C-alpha atoms as a PDB file:
ATOM      1  CA  MET A   1      23.271  -5.618   5.399  1.00  0.00           C
ATOM      2  CA  GLN A   2      22.539  -5.725   9.134  1.00  0.00           C
ATOM      3  CA  PRO A   3      18.809  -6.346   9.774  1.00  0.00           C
ATOM      4  CA  HIS A   4      19.314  -6.482  13.555  1.00  0.00           C
ATOM      5  CA  ALA A   5      20.215  -2.782  13.353  1.00  0.00           C
ATOM      6  CA  PHE A   6      16.962  -2.085  11.822  1.00  0.00           C
ATOM      7  CA  ILE A   7      15.187  -3.942  14.578  1.00  0.00           C
ATOM      8  CA  ALA A   8      16.908  -1.860  17.293  1.00  0.00           C
ATOM      9  CA  PHE A   9      15.869   1.335  15.618  1.00  0.00           C
ATOM     10  CA  LEU A  10      12.363   0.184  15.055  1.00  0.00           C
ATOM     11  CA  ILE A  11      11.842  -0.626  18.685  1.00  0.00           C
ATOM     12  CA  THR A  12      13.284   2.592  19.998  1.00  0.00           C
ATOM     13  CA  SER A  13      11.234   4.658  17.541  1.00  0.00           C
ATOM     14  CA  LEU A  14       8.010   2.828  18.049  1.00  0.00           C
ATOM     15  CA  SER A  15       6.814   5.024  20.829  1.00  0.00           C
ATOM     16  CA  LEU A  16       7.499   8.145  18.880  1.00  0.00           C
ATOM     17  CA  LEU A  17       5.538   6.743  15.852  1.00  0.00           C
ATOM     18  CA  ARG A  18       2.689   5.847  18.072  1.00  0.00           C
ATOM     19  CA  SER A  19       2.578   9.311  19.531  1.00  0.00           C
ATOM     20  CA  SER A  20       2.721  10.986  16.052  1.00  0.00           C
ATOM     21  CA  VAL A  21       0.139   8.743  14.550  1.00  0.00           C
ATOM     22  CA  CYS A  22      -2.288   9.015  17.534  1.00  0.00           C
ATOM     23  CA  HIS A  23      -1.915  12.701  17.594  1.00  0.00           C
ATOM     24  CA  ARG A  24      -3.034  12.757  13.985  1.00  0.00           C
ATOM     25  CA  ALA A  25      -5.722  10.212  14.273  1.00  0.00           C
ATOM     26  CA  GLY A  26      -7.269  11.373  17.476  1.00  0.00           C
ATOM     27  CA  GLY A  27      -6.414   8.586  20.042  1.00  0.00           C
ATOM     28  CA  HIS A  28      -5.317   5.049  20.476  1.00  0.00           C
ATOM     29  CA  GLY A  29      -8.661   3.325  19.602  1.00  0.00           C
ATOM     30  CA  SER A  30     -10.351   5.327  17.003  1.00  0.00           C
ATOM     31  CA  TYR A  31     -10.096   7.748  14.192  1.00  0.00           C
ATOM     32  CA  LYS A  32     -10.940  11.371  14.889  1.00  0.00           C
ATOM     33  CA  HIS A  33     -13.791  13.082  13.161  1.00  0.00           C
ATOM     34  CA  ARG A  34     -12.313  16.012  11.321  1.00  0.00           C
ATOM     35  CA  ASP A  35     -14.136  19.167  10.888  1.00  0.00           C
ATOM     36  CA  ILE A  36     -13.775  20.615   7.410  1.00  0.00           C
ATOM     37  CA  HIS A  37     -13.284  24.411   6.879  1.00  0.00           C
ATOM     38  CA  LEU A  38     -15.686  26.206   4.636  1.00  0.00           C
ATOM     39  CA  HIS A  39     -15.095  29.314   2.583  1.00  0.00           C
ATOM     40  CA  GLN A  40     -11.410  28.383   2.103  1.00  0.00           C
ATOM     41  CA  ARG A  41      -9.046  29.628  -0.595  1.00  0.00           C
ATOM     42  CA  ASP A  42      -8.132  27.185  -3.246  1.00  0.00           C
ATOM     43  CA  THR A  43      -4.558  25.804  -2.982  1.00  0.00           C
ATOM     44  CA  SER A  44      -2.543  23.219  -4.811  1.00  0.00           C
ATOM     45  CA  PRO A  45      -0.400  20.517  -3.275  1.00  0.00           C
ATOM     46  CA  PRO A  46       3.272  21.513  -3.046  1.00  0.00           C
ATOM     47  CA  PRO A  47       5.645  20.029  -5.676  1.00  0.00           C
ATOM     48  CA  ALA A  48       7.043  16.525  -4.712  1.00  0.00           C
ATOM     49  CA  ARG A  49      10.420  17.355  -3.272  1.00  0.00           C
ATOM     50  CA  HIS A  50      11.915  14.131  -4.766  1.00  0.00           C
ATOM     51  CA  GLY A  51       9.971  14.422  -8.137  1.00  0.00           C
ATOM     52  CA  THR A  52       8.381  10.988  -7.724  1.00  0.00           C
ATOM     53  CA  LEU A  53       4.830  12.300  -7.888  1.00  0.00           C
ATOM     54  CA  SER A  54       3.116  14.738 -10.280  1.00  0.00           C
ATOM     55  CA  PHE A  55      -0.413  16.311  -9.868  1.00  0.00           C
ATOM     56  CA  ASN A  56      -3.211  17.088 -12.165  1.00  0.00           C
ATOM     57  CA  GLN A  57      -5.887  19.090 -10.293  1.00  0.00           C
ATOM     58  CA  THR A  58      -9.389  20.085 -11.056  1.00  0.00           C
ATOM     59  CA  ALA A  59     -11.729  21.892  -8.731  1.00  0.00           C
ATOM     60  CA  ASN A  60     -12.647  18.897  -6.733  1.00  0.00           C
ATOM     61  CA  VAL A  61     -10.415  16.034  -7.927  1.00  0.00           C
ATOM     62  CA  THR A  62      -6.599  15.512  -7.735  1.00  0.00           C
ATOM     63  CA  ARG A  63      -4.829  12.892  -9.823  1.00  0.00           C
ATOM     64  CA  VAL A  64      -1.527  11.781  -8.443  1.00  0.00           C
ATOM     65  CA  THR A  65       0.728  10.062 -10.878  1.00  0.00           C
ATOM     66  CA  ILE A  66       3.524   7.905  -9.327  1.00  0.00           C
ATOM     67  CA  ASP A  67       6.660   7.953 -11.443  1.00  0.00           C
ATOM     68  CA  ASN A  68       9.763   6.382  -9.705  1.00  0.00           C
ATOM     69  CA  PRO A  69      11.578   4.474 -12.410  1.00  0.00           C
ATOM     70  CA  PRO A  70      12.211   1.762 -13.075  1.00  0.00           C
ATOM     71  CA  ILE A  71       9.595  -0.120 -10.942  1.00  0.00           C
ATOM     72  CA  ASN A  72       8.039   2.392  -8.514  1.00  0.00           C
ATOM     73  CA  LEU A  73      10.001   1.006  -5.775  1.00  0.00           C
ATOM     74  CA  LEU A  74       9.029   2.376  -2.335  1.00  0.00           C
ATOM     75  CA  THR A  75      12.242   4.146  -1.846  1.00  0.00           C
ATOM     76  CA  ALA A  76      12.864   6.686   0.832  1.00  0.00           C
ATOM     77  CA  GLY A  77      12.224   9.479  -1.771  1.00  0.00           C
ATOM     78  CA  LEU A  78       8.887   8.040  -2.956  1.00  0.00           C
ATOM     79  CA  ILE A  79       7.604   7.348   0.582  1.00  0.00           C
ATOM     80  CA  GLU A  80       8.577  11.000   1.712  1.00  0.00           C
ATOM     81  CA  ASP A  81       6.765  12.454  -1.249  1.00  0.00           C
ATOM     82  CA  LEU A  82       3.639  10.363  -0.434  1.00  0.00           C
ATOM     83  CA  HIS A  83       3.873  11.344   3.220  1.00  0.00           C
ATOM     84  CA  ASP A  84       4.190  15.019   2.266  1.00  0.00           C
ATOM     85  CA  PHE A  85       1.121  14.780  -0.032  1.00  0.00           C
ATOM     86  CA  LEU A  86      -1.100  12.993   2.361  1.00  0.00           C
ATOM     87  CA  THR A  87      -0.080  15.325   5.214  1.00  0.00           C
ATOM     88  CA  TRP A  88      -1.181  18.143   2.864  1.00  0.00           C
ATOM     89  CA  THR A  89      -4.612  16.627   2.486  1.00  0.00           C
ATOM     90  CA  GLN A  90      -5.480  17.153   6.117  1.00  0.00           C
ATOM     91  CA  PRO A  91      -8.022  19.961   6.406  1.00  0.00           C
ATOM     92  CA  ALA A  92      -6.587  23.237   7.731  1.00  0.00           C
ATOM     93  CA  PRO A  93      -7.751  26.890   7.738  1.00  0.00           C
ATOM     94  CA  PHE A  94      -7.227  28.691   4.451  1.00  0.00           C
ATOM     95  CA  GLN A  95      -6.726  25.560   2.479  1.00  0.00           C
ATOM     96  CA  THR A  96      -9.136  23.693   0.190  1.00  0.00           C
ATOM     97  CA  THR A  97      -8.453  19.984   0.099  1.00  0.00           C
ATOM     98  CA  PRO A  98      -9.673  17.726  -2.843  1.00  0.00           C
ATOM     99  CA  LYS A  99     -12.849  15.794  -2.410  1.00  0.00           C
ATOM    100  CA  VAL A 100     -11.246  12.905  -4.316  1.00  0.00           C
ATOM    101  CA  VAL A 101      -7.615  11.789  -4.928  1.00  0.00           C
ATOM    102  CA  ILE A 102      -6.897   9.256  -7.613  1.00  0.00           C
ATOM    103  CA  PHE A 103      -3.484   7.510  -7.386  1.00  0.00           C
ATOM    104  CA  SER A 104      -2.257   6.139 -10.800  1.00  0.00           C
ATOM    105  CA  SER A 105       1.053   5.349 -12.227  1.00  0.00           C
ATOM    106  CA  ALA A 106       3.130   6.494 -15.262  1.00  0.00           C
ATOM    107  CA  ASN A 107       4.572   2.988 -15.639  1.00  0.00           C
ATOM    108  CA  PRO A 108       2.364   0.505 -17.444  1.00  0.00           C
ATOM    109  CA  ASN A 109       3.929  -2.516 -15.675  1.00  0.00           C
ATOM    110  CA  TYR A 110       3.972  -1.166 -12.109  1.00  0.00           C
ATOM    111  CA  PHE A 111       1.505   0.633  -9.945  1.00  0.00           C
ATOM    112  CA  MET A 112       3.432   0.610  -6.676  1.00  0.00           C
ATOM    113  CA  SER A 113       6.176  -1.833  -5.714  1.00  0.00           C
ATOM    114  CA  HIS A 114       7.506  -3.162  -2.620  1.00  0.00           C
ATOM    115  CA  PHE A 115       9.498  -1.420   0.163  1.00  0.00           C
ATOM    116  CA  ASP A 116      13.169  -0.879  -0.741  1.00  0.00           C
ATOM    117  CA  LEU A 117      14.749  -3.739   1.266  1.00  0.00           C
ATOM    118  CA  ASN A 118      18.025  -1.953   1.392  1.00  0.00           C
ATOM    119  CA  LEU A 119      16.512   0.558   3.833  1.00  0.00           C
ATOM    120  CA  LEU A 120      16.238  -2.294   6.478  1.00  0.00           C
ATOM    121  CA  SER A 121      19.933  -1.587   7.320  1.00  0.00           C
ATOM    122  CA  GLY A 122      19.421   1.902   8.511  1.00  0.00           C
ATOM    123  CA  PRO A 123      17.193   4.041  10.692  1.00  0.00           C
ATOM    124  CA  PRO A 124      13.460   3.237  10.168  1.00  0.00           C
ATOM    125  CA  ILE A 125      12.633   6.766   8.973  1.00  0.00           C
ATOM    126  CA  ALA A 126      11.149   5.615   5.724  1.00  0.00           C
ATOM    127  CA  LEU A 127       9.241   2.594   7.368  1.00  0.00           C
ATOM    128  CA  ASN A 128       7.710   4.922   9.899  1.00  0.00           C
ATOM    129  CA  GLN A 129       6.601   7.292   7.191  1.00  0.00           C
ATOM    130  CA  LEU A 130       5.176   4.352   5.251  1.00  0.00           C
ATOM    131  CA  ILE A 131       3.149   3.142   8.269  1.00  0.00           C
ATOM    132  CA  GLU A 132       1.936   6.741   8.876  1.00  0.00           C
ATOM    133  CA  CYS A 133       0.837   7.138   5.215  1.00  0.00           C
ATOM    134  CA  GLY A 134      -1.535   4.292   5.860  1.00  0.00           C
ATOM    135  CA  ARG A 135      -2.852   6.039   9.021  1.00  0.00           C
ATOM    136  CA  LEU A 136      -3.401   9.244   7.023  1.00  0.00           C
ATOM    137  CA  LEU A 137      -5.470   7.471   4.409  1.00  0.00           C
ATOM    138  CA  GLN A 138      -7.887   6.622   7.190  1.00  0.00           C
ATOM    139  CA  SER A 139      -7.803   9.681   9.332  1.00  0.00           C
ATOM    140  CA  VAL A 140      -8.339  12.136   6.537  1.00  0.00           C
ATOM    141  CA  THR A 141     -12.062  11.711   6.150  1.00  0.00           C
ATOM    142  CA  SER A 142     -12.701  14.775   4.011  1.00  0.00           C
ATOM    143  CA  THR A 143     -11.141  13.062   0.931  1.00  0.00           C
ATOM    144  CA  ALA A 144     -11.962   9.776  -0.856  1.00  0.00           C
ATOM    145  CA  PHE A 145      -8.830   7.983  -1.946  1.00  0.00           C
ATOM    146  CA  ILE A 146      -8.953   5.836  -5.061  1.00  0.00           C
ATOM    147  CA  ALA A 147      -6.353   3.504  -6.394  1.00  0.00           C
ATOM    148  CA  GLU A 148      -6.298   3.123 -10.204  1.00  0.00           C
ATOM    149  CA  ILE A 149      -4.131  -0.026 -10.479  1.00  0.00           C
ATOM    150  CA  ASN A 150      -2.874  -1.102 -13.837  1.00  0.00           C
ATOM    151  CA  GLY A 151       0.365  -2.743 -12.977  1.00  0.00           C
ATOM    152  CA  ARG A 152       2.212  -4.805 -10.317  1.00  0.00           C
ATOM    153  CA  THR A 153       1.522  -3.851  -6.781  1.00  0.00           C
ATOM    154  CA  TYR A 154       3.693  -5.848  -4.326  1.00  0.00           C
ATOM    155  CA  GLY A 155       4.294  -5.806  -0.550  1.00  0.00           C
ATOM    156  CA  GLY A 156       4.249  -2.286   0.802  1.00  0.00           C
ATOM    157  CA  GLY A 157       2.601  -1.041  -2.384  1.00  0.00           C
ATOM    158  CA  GLN A 158      -0.288  -3.315  -1.755  1.00  0.00           C
ATOM    159  CA  GLU A 159      -0.491  -2.364   1.830  1.00  0.00           C
ATOM    160  CA  LEU A 160      -1.051   1.178   0.857  1.00  0.00           C
ATOM    161  CA  SER A 161      -3.473   0.403  -1.836  1.00  0.00           C
ATOM    162  CA  SER A 162      -5.555  -1.880   0.429  1.00  0.00           C
ATOM    163  CA  GLN A 163      -6.004   1.098   2.913  1.00  0.00           C
ATOM    164  CA  MET A 164      -7.355   3.311   0.130  1.00  0.00           C
ATOM    165  CA  ASP A 165     -11.147   3.725  -0.022  1.00  0.00           C
ATOM    166  CA  MET A 166     -11.618   2.099  -3.463  1.00  0.00           C
ATOM    167  CA  ARG A 167      -9.569   0.226  -5.909  1.00  0.00           C
ATOM    168  CA  PHE A 168     -10.163  -0.299  -9.709  1.00  0.00           C
ATOM    169  CA  ALA A 169      -8.061  -2.533 -11.830  1.00  0.00           C
ATOM    170  CA  GLY A 170      -6.937  -2.585 -15.462  1.00  0.00           C
ATOM    171  CA  PRO A 171      -5.573  -5.524 -17.592  1.00  0.00           C
ATOM    172  CA  ASN A 172      -1.988  -5.357 -16.208  1.00  0.00           C
ATOM    173  CA  ALA A 173      -3.024  -5.391 -12.537  1.00  0.00           C
ATOM    174  CA  LEU A 174      -1.361  -8.024 -10.322  1.00  0.00           C
ATOM    175  CA  VAL A 175      -1.020  -7.669  -6.525  1.00  0.00           C
ATOM    176  CA  SER A 176       0.707  -9.754  -4.032  1.00  0.00           C
ATOM    177  CA  GLN A 177       1.413  -9.639  -0.256  1.00  0.00           C
ATOM    178  CA  TYR A 178       4.455 -11.963  -0.481  1.00  0.00           C
ATOM    179  CA  GLU A 179       6.214 -11.299   2.823  1.00  0.00           C
ATOM    180  CA  ASN A 180       5.208 -14.626   4.292  1.00  0.00           C
ATOM    181  CA  SER A 181       7.485 -16.355   1.830  1.00  0.00           C
ATOM    182  CA  GLU A 182      10.454 -14.582   3.310  1.00  0.00           C
ATOM    183  CA  GLY A 183       9.415 -15.189   6.861  1.00  0.00           C
ATOM    184  CA  PHE A 184       8.195 -11.755   7.397  1.00  0.00           C
ATOM    185  CA  VAL A 185       4.733 -10.228   7.670  1.00  0.00           C
ATOM    186  CA  ALA A 186       3.043  -7.289   6.101  1.00  0.00           C
ATOM    187  CA  GLN A 187       3.309  -4.815   9.005  1.00  0.00           C
ATOM    188  CA  ALA A 188       2.350  -1.440   7.615  1.00  0.00           C
ATOM    189  CA  GLY A 189      -1.326  -2.137   8.051  1.00  0.00           C
ATOM    190  CA  GLY A 190      -1.978  -4.469   4.960  1.00  0.00           C
ATOM    191  CA  GLN A 191      -2.818  -7.666   6.920  1.00  0.00           C
ATOM    192  CA  LEU A 192      -5.377  -6.094   9.052  1.00  0.00           C
ATOM    193  CA  PHE A 193      -7.151  -4.417   6.269  1.00  0.00           C
ATOM    194  CA  LEU A 194      -7.167  -7.408   3.932  1.00  0.00           C
ATOM    195  CA  GLY A 195      -9.095  -9.413   6.546  1.00  0.00           C
ATOM    196  CA  PRO A 196     -12.304  -7.272   6.225  1.00  0.00           C
ATOM    197  CA  ILE A 197     -11.802  -6.911   2.415  1.00  0.00           C
ATOM    198  CA  LEU A 198     -11.300 -10.549   1.474  1.00  0.00           C
ATOM    199  CA  GLY A 199     -12.814 -12.259   4.355  1.00  0.00           C
ATOM    200  CA  LYS A 200     -10.607 -14.178   6.900  1.00  0.00           C
ATOM    201  CA  ALA A 201     -10.317 -17.503   4.996  1.00  0.00           C
ATOM    202  CA  ARG A 202      -9.382 -15.737   1.644  1.00  0.00           C
ATOM    203  CA  ALA A 203      -7.177 -13.374   3.342  1.00  0.00           C
ATOM    204  CA  LEU A 204      -5.181 -16.243   4.973  1.00  0.00           C
ATOM    205  CA  GLU A 205      -4.980 -18.008   1.646  1.00  0.00           C
ATOM    206  CA  HIS A 206      -3.591 -14.996  -0.030  1.00  0.00           C
ATOM    207  CA  LEU A 207      -1.111 -14.078   2.863  1.00  0.00           C
ATOM    208  CA  LEU A 208       0.046 -17.481   4.028  1.00  0.00           C
ATOM    209  CA  ALA A 209       0.514 -18.841   0.471  1.00  0.00           C
ATOM    210  CA  SER A 210       1.986 -15.568  -0.835  1.00  0.00           C
ATOM    211  CA  LYS A 211      -0.459 -15.761  -3.801  1.00  0.00           C
ATOM    212  CA  ALA A 212      -0.834 -13.219  -6.536  1.00  0.00           C
ATOM    213  CA  ILE A 213      -4.216 -11.739  -7.484  1.00  0.00           C
ATOM    214  CA  ASP A 214      -4.921 -10.464 -11.028  1.00  0.00           C
ATOM    215  CA  ALA A 215      -7.746  -8.077 -12.042  1.00  0.00           C
ATOM    216  CA  PRO A 216     -10.552 -10.521 -12.646  1.00  0.00           C
ATOM    217  CA  ALA A 217      -9.852 -12.587  -9.517  1.00  0.00           C
ATOM    218  CA  GLY A 218      -9.386  -9.491  -7.510  1.00  0.00           C
ATOM    219  CA  THR A 219     -12.806  -8.316  -8.496  1.00  0.00           C
ATOM    220  CA  ARG A 220     -14.440 -11.627  -7.648  1.00  0.00           C
ATOM    221  CA  LEU A 221     -12.678 -11.496  -4.270  1.00  0.00           C
ATOM    222  CA  GLY A 222     -13.758  -8.073  -3.461  1.00  0.00           C
ATOM    223  CA  LEU A 223     -10.286  -6.541  -3.606  1.00  0.00           C
ATOM    224  CA  PHE A 224     -11.219  -4.416  -6.537  1.00  0.00           C
ATOM    225  CA  ASN A 225     -14.476  -2.506  -7.067  1.00  0.00           C
ATOM    226  CA  ALA A 226     -14.255  -3.397 -10.755  1.00  0.00           C
ATOM    227  CA  ASN A 227     -11.811  -4.386 -13.463  1.00  0.00           C
ATOM    228  CA  TYR A 228     -11.534  -3.160 -17.064  1.00  0.00           C
ATOM    229  CA  HIS A 229      -9.862  -4.830 -20.014  1.00  0.00           C
ATOM    230  CA  ASP A 230      -8.420  -1.676 -21.373  1.00  0.00           C
ATOM    231  CA  ALA A 231      -6.337   1.001 -19.637  1.00  0.00           C
ATOM    232  CA  ALA A 232      -8.086   3.919 -21.403  1.00  0.00           C
ATOM    233  CA  ILE A 233     -11.557   2.561 -20.207  1.00  0.00           C
ATOM    234  CA  LEU A 234     -10.185   2.196 -16.716  1.00  0.00           C
ATOM    235  CA  ARG A 235      -9.023   5.782 -16.672  1.00  0.00           C
ATOM    236  CA  HIS A 236     -12.263   7.068 -18.103  1.00  0.00           C
ATOM    237  CA  GLN A 237     -14.444   5.127 -15.607  1.00  0.00           C
ATOM    238  CA  VAL A 238     -12.397   6.228 -12.630  1.00  0.00           C
ATOM    239  CA  ASP A 239     -12.406   9.849 -13.879  1.00  0.00           C
ATOM    240  CA  ALA A 240     -16.206   9.708 -14.266  1.00  0.00           C
ATOM    241  CA  LEU A 241     -16.711   8.300 -10.745  1.00  0.00           C
ATOM    242  CA  ALA A 242     -14.432  10.775  -9.180  1.00  0.00           C
ATOM    243  CA  ALA A 243     -16.118  13.743 -10.983  1.00  0.00           C
ATOM    244  CA  ARG A 244     -19.510  12.503  -9.729  1.00  0.00           C
ATOM    245  CA  ILE A 245     -18.351  12.171  -6.132  1.00  0.00           C
ATOM    246  CA  GLY A 246     -16.766  15.630  -6.473  1.00  0.00           C
ATOM    247  CA  LEU A 247     -20.098  17.275  -7.288  1.00  0.00           C
ATOM    248  CA  PHE A 248     -21.452  16.612  -3.817  1.00  0.00           C
ATOM    249  CA  PRO A 249     -20.900  18.568  -0.608  1.00  0.00           C
ATOM    250  CA  GLN A 250     -17.732  17.746   1.160  1.00  0.00           C
ATOM    251  CA  SER A 251     -19.377  17.736   4.532  1.00  0.00           C
ATOM    252  CA  ALA A 252     -21.494  14.709   3.519  1.00  0.00           C
ATOM    253  CA  LEU A 253     -18.358  12.897   2.184  1.00  0.00           C
ATOM    254  CA  ASN A 254     -16.619  13.664   5.456  1.00  0.00           C
ATOM    255  CA  ASP A 255     -19.269  12.258   7.692  1.00  0.00           C
ATOM    256  CA  THR A 256     -19.832   9.253   5.481  1.00  0.00           C
ATOM    257  CA  LYS A 257     -16.293   8.173   5.453  1.00  0.00           C
ATOM    258  CA  PHE A 258     -15.929   8.803   9.157  1.00  0.00           C
ATOM    259  CA  THR A 259     -18.940   6.731   9.811  1.00  0.00           C
ATOM    260  CA  LEU A 260     -17.697   3.707   7.904  1.00  0.00           C
ATOM    261  CA  ASN A 261     -14.259   3.924   9.646  1.00  0.00           C
ATOM    262  CA  PHE A 262     -15.705   1.607  12.188  1.00  0.00           C
ATOM    263  CA  LEU A 263     -14.884  -1.282   9.726  1.00  0.00           C
ATOM    264  CA  ASN A 264     -11.230  -0.383   9.991  1.00  0.00           C
ATOM    265  CA  PRO A 265      -8.781  -1.861  12.568  1.00  0.00           C
ATOM    266  CA  THR A 266      -8.208   0.259  15.553  1.00  0.00           C
ATOM    267  CA  ILE A 267      -5.044   2.188  16.066  1.00  0.00           C
ATOM    268  CA  GLN A 268      -4.235  -0.115  19.028  1.00  0.00           C
ATOM    269  CA  GLN A 269      -4.585  -3.222  16.775  1.00  0.00           C
ATOM    270  CA  LEU A 270      -2.289  -1.586  14.186  1.00  0.00           C
ATOM    271  CA  ASP A 271       0.251  -0.592  16.898  1.00  0.00           C
ATOM    272  CA  ASP A 272       0.162  -4.124  18.419  1.00  0.00           C
ATOM    273  CA  GLN A 273       1.094  -5.587  14.943  1.00  0.00           C
ATOM    274  CA  ILE A 274       4.107  -3.375  14.791  1.00  0.00           C
ATOM    275  CA  THR A 275       5.255  -4.737  18.254  1.00  0.00           C
ATOM    276  CA  ARG A 276       4.753  -8.350  17.185  1.00  0.00           C
ATOM    277  CA  PHE A 277       6.791  -7.710  14.027  1.00  0.00           C
ATOM    278  CA  SER A 278      10.013  -7.116  15.992  1.00  0.00           C
ATOM    279  CA  PRO A 279      10.710 -10.821  17.112  1.00  0.00           C
ATOM    280  CA  ILE A 280       9.655 -12.102  13.680  1.00  0.00           C
ATOM    281  CA  ALA A 281      12.234  -9.756  12.020  1.00  0.00           C
ATOM    282  CA  GLN A 282      15.045 -10.901  14.391  1.00  0.00           C
ATOM    283  CA  ASP A 283      14.648 -14.572  13.231  1.00  0.00           C
ATOM    284  CA  SER A 284      17.840 -15.637  11.470  1.00  0.00           C
ATOM    285  CA  GLY A 285      15.820 -17.317   8.705  1.00  0.00           C
ATOM    286  CA  SER A 286      14.034 -14.130   7.901  1.00  0.00           C
ATOM    287  CA  GLN A 287      17.173 -12.110   7.934  1.00  0.00           C
ATOM    288  CA  GLY A 288      18.802 -14.531   5.625  1.00  0.00           C
ATOM    289  CA  ALA A 289      15.824 -14.554   3.226  1.00  0.00           C
ATOM    290  CA  VAL A 290      16.038 -10.772   2.948  1.00  0.00           C
ATOM    291  CA  ARG A 291      19.750 -10.910   2.069  1.00  0.00           C
ATOM    292  CA  GLU A 292      19.139 -13.552  -0.569  1.00  0.00           C
ATOM    293  CA  THR A 293      16.153 -11.679  -2.052  1.00  0.00           C
ATOM    294  CA  ILE A 294      18.379  -8.525  -2.370  1.00  0.00           C
ATOM    295  CA  GLU A 295      21.090 -10.620  -4.109  1.00  0.00           C
ATOM    296  CA  ASP A 296      18.652 -12.225  -6.487  1.00  0.00           C
ATOM    297  CA  SER A 297      17.075  -8.927  -7.528  1.00  0.00           C
ATOM    298  CA  ASP A 298      18.763  -5.536  -8.133  1.00  0.00           C
ATOM    299  CA  GLU A 299      15.210  -4.088  -7.687  1.00  0.00           C
ATOM    300  CA  GLY A 300      15.309  -3.013 -11.282  1.00  0.00           C
ATOM    301  CA  ASP A 301      12.903  -3.738 -14.132  1.00  0.00           C
ATOM    302  CA  ASN A 302      13.928  -7.322 -14.510  1.00  0.00           C
ATOM    303  CA  VAL A 303      12.486 -10.914 -14.789  1.00  0.00           C
ATOM    304  CA  PHE A 304      12.742 -11.265 -10.932  1.00  0.00           C
ATOM    305  CA  GLU A 305      10.600  -8.293 -10.156  1.00  0.00           C
ATOM    306  CA  MET A 306       8.149  -8.836 -12.958  1.00  0.00           C
ATOM    307  CA  ASN A 307       7.364 -12.342 -11.568  1.00  0.00           C
ATOM    308  CA  ILE A 308       7.146 -11.912  -7.933  1.00  0.00           C
ATOM    309  CA  PRO A 309       5.978 -13.818  -5.838  1.00  0.00           C
ATOM    310  CA  ASN A 310       7.139 -16.993  -7.690  1.00  0.00           C
ATOM    311  CA  THR A 311      10.591 -15.801  -8.227  1.00  0.00           C
ATOM    312  CA  VAL A 312      11.172 -15.198  -4.467  1.00  0.00           C
ATOM    313  CA  VAL A 313       9.790 -18.692  -3.810  1.00  0.00           C
ATOM    314  CA  GLN A 314      11.947 -20.222  -6.392  1.00  0.00           C
ATOM    315  CA  GLY A 315      14.971 -18.399  -5.161  1.00  0.00           C
ATOM    316  CA  LEU A 316      14.440 -19.233  -1.418  1.00  0.00           C
ATOM    317  CA  TYR A 317      13.210 -22.784  -1.737  1.00  0.00           C
ATOM    318  CA  GLN A 318      15.098 -24.400  -4.706  1.00  0.00           C
ATOM    319  CA  GLN A 319      16.074 -27.588  -2.893  1.00  0.00           C
ATOM    320  CA  GLU A 320      12.577 -28.072  -1.363  1.00  0.00           C
ATOM    321  CA  LEU A 321      11.057 -27.474  -4.876  1.00  0.00           C
ATOM    322  CA  ALA A 322      13.491 -29.833  -6.627  1.00  0.00           C
ATOM    323  CA  ALA A 323      12.657 -32.642  -4.220  1.00  0.00           C
ATOM    324  CA  MET A 324       9.013 -32.683  -5.064  1.00  0.00           C
ATOM    325  CA  PRO A 325       7.780 -35.382  -7.658  1.00  0.00           C
ATOM    326  CA  ASP A 326       6.886 -32.654 -10.297  1.00  0.00           C
ATOM    327  CA  ALA A 327       9.852 -30.525  -9.472  1.00  0.00           C
ATOM    328  CA  GLY A 328       7.518 -28.065  -7.665  1.00  0.00           C
ATOM    329  CA  ARG A 329       5.532 -27.158 -10.681  1.00  0.00           C
ATOM    330  CA  SER A 330       2.173 -27.591  -8.966  1.00  0.00           C
ATOM    331  CA  VAL A 331       3.471 -25.421  -6.059  1.00  0.00           C
ATOM    332  CA  LEU A 332       4.373 -22.644  -8.398  1.00  0.00           C
ATOM    333  CA  ALA A 333       1.087 -22.968 -10.375  1.00  0.00           C
ATOM    334  CA  ALA A 334      -0.720 -22.427  -7.070  1.00  0.00           C
ATOM    335  CA  ALA A 335       0.498 -18.832  -6.967  1.00  0.00           C
ATOM    336  CA  ARG A 336      -2.556 -17.692  -8.989  1.00  0.00           C
ATOM    337  CA  TYR A 337      -6.228 -17.927  -8.275  1.00  0.00           C
ATOM    338  CA  SER A 338      -8.482 -20.008 -10.573  1.00  0.00           C
ATOM    339  CA  PHE A 339     -12.237 -19.719 -10.635  1.00  0.00           C
END
């Protein structure tokens, strides 16, 4: 694996990414108010070209089910399918877009996992598309995006879910932005959105310590709108909320979401973070951590993936943990919130 090759491609493609994103979003500093088209004919989203998404559509609500076995890893195929779908949600003549989109998972253990680290050795096409997916979640103001999370959501997966309009959690929900433990940062927008959601102090605790957040803790912290002890109840409640929102005129939804976009980071702030990521990713320690993480995990449905972030910490810091008086048990226990 050659992370330096990834950096070179990232730097050279940054200007193209900015141009593409700003064209969609309406400028470097703000999100564009998108007029919606009335009297449109009904259309359905095109089938996912890589088969990682399926769609269940009613008149006003589209449920998107993520299914990329074994762990819903953010592979190039899944990212491209997400990008295609979110591009389709942009209002256009002769196309009716859903008032509400619900993202859920076919896997009871994973909602959306981390970015496929093996992609770091090639051109950053998938990474660029992942970043633009986040921008589309904000610039498409005529649709409310809801994350129905009942499984693990790591890294890039949490970055996307934190940029959705609402998040509801089930009993298996567990989220972690664990990049700091590898010497990296969440650079697809996650850090900048977690600040307003959690507050600066809580966001720093979560990010700097690479902590995991379960459903009850996430609700208390404000990451989740609500949490439910049963997956069936979670789905019922989210469906009912989406159907209620879907009753109301799309013009009101469009303007309300646009109005509250002032709470989001600006396009310039998001672009600046991408620029700052480059020297961090060139650090030899970060590159070594990525190689070791790939070796420790085959990115399959295994013990390592099920227990992120602590498996990453244990794999990278064995000697440091072993030298502690309690063999690092207190440090590992600090991965979860307790109230």
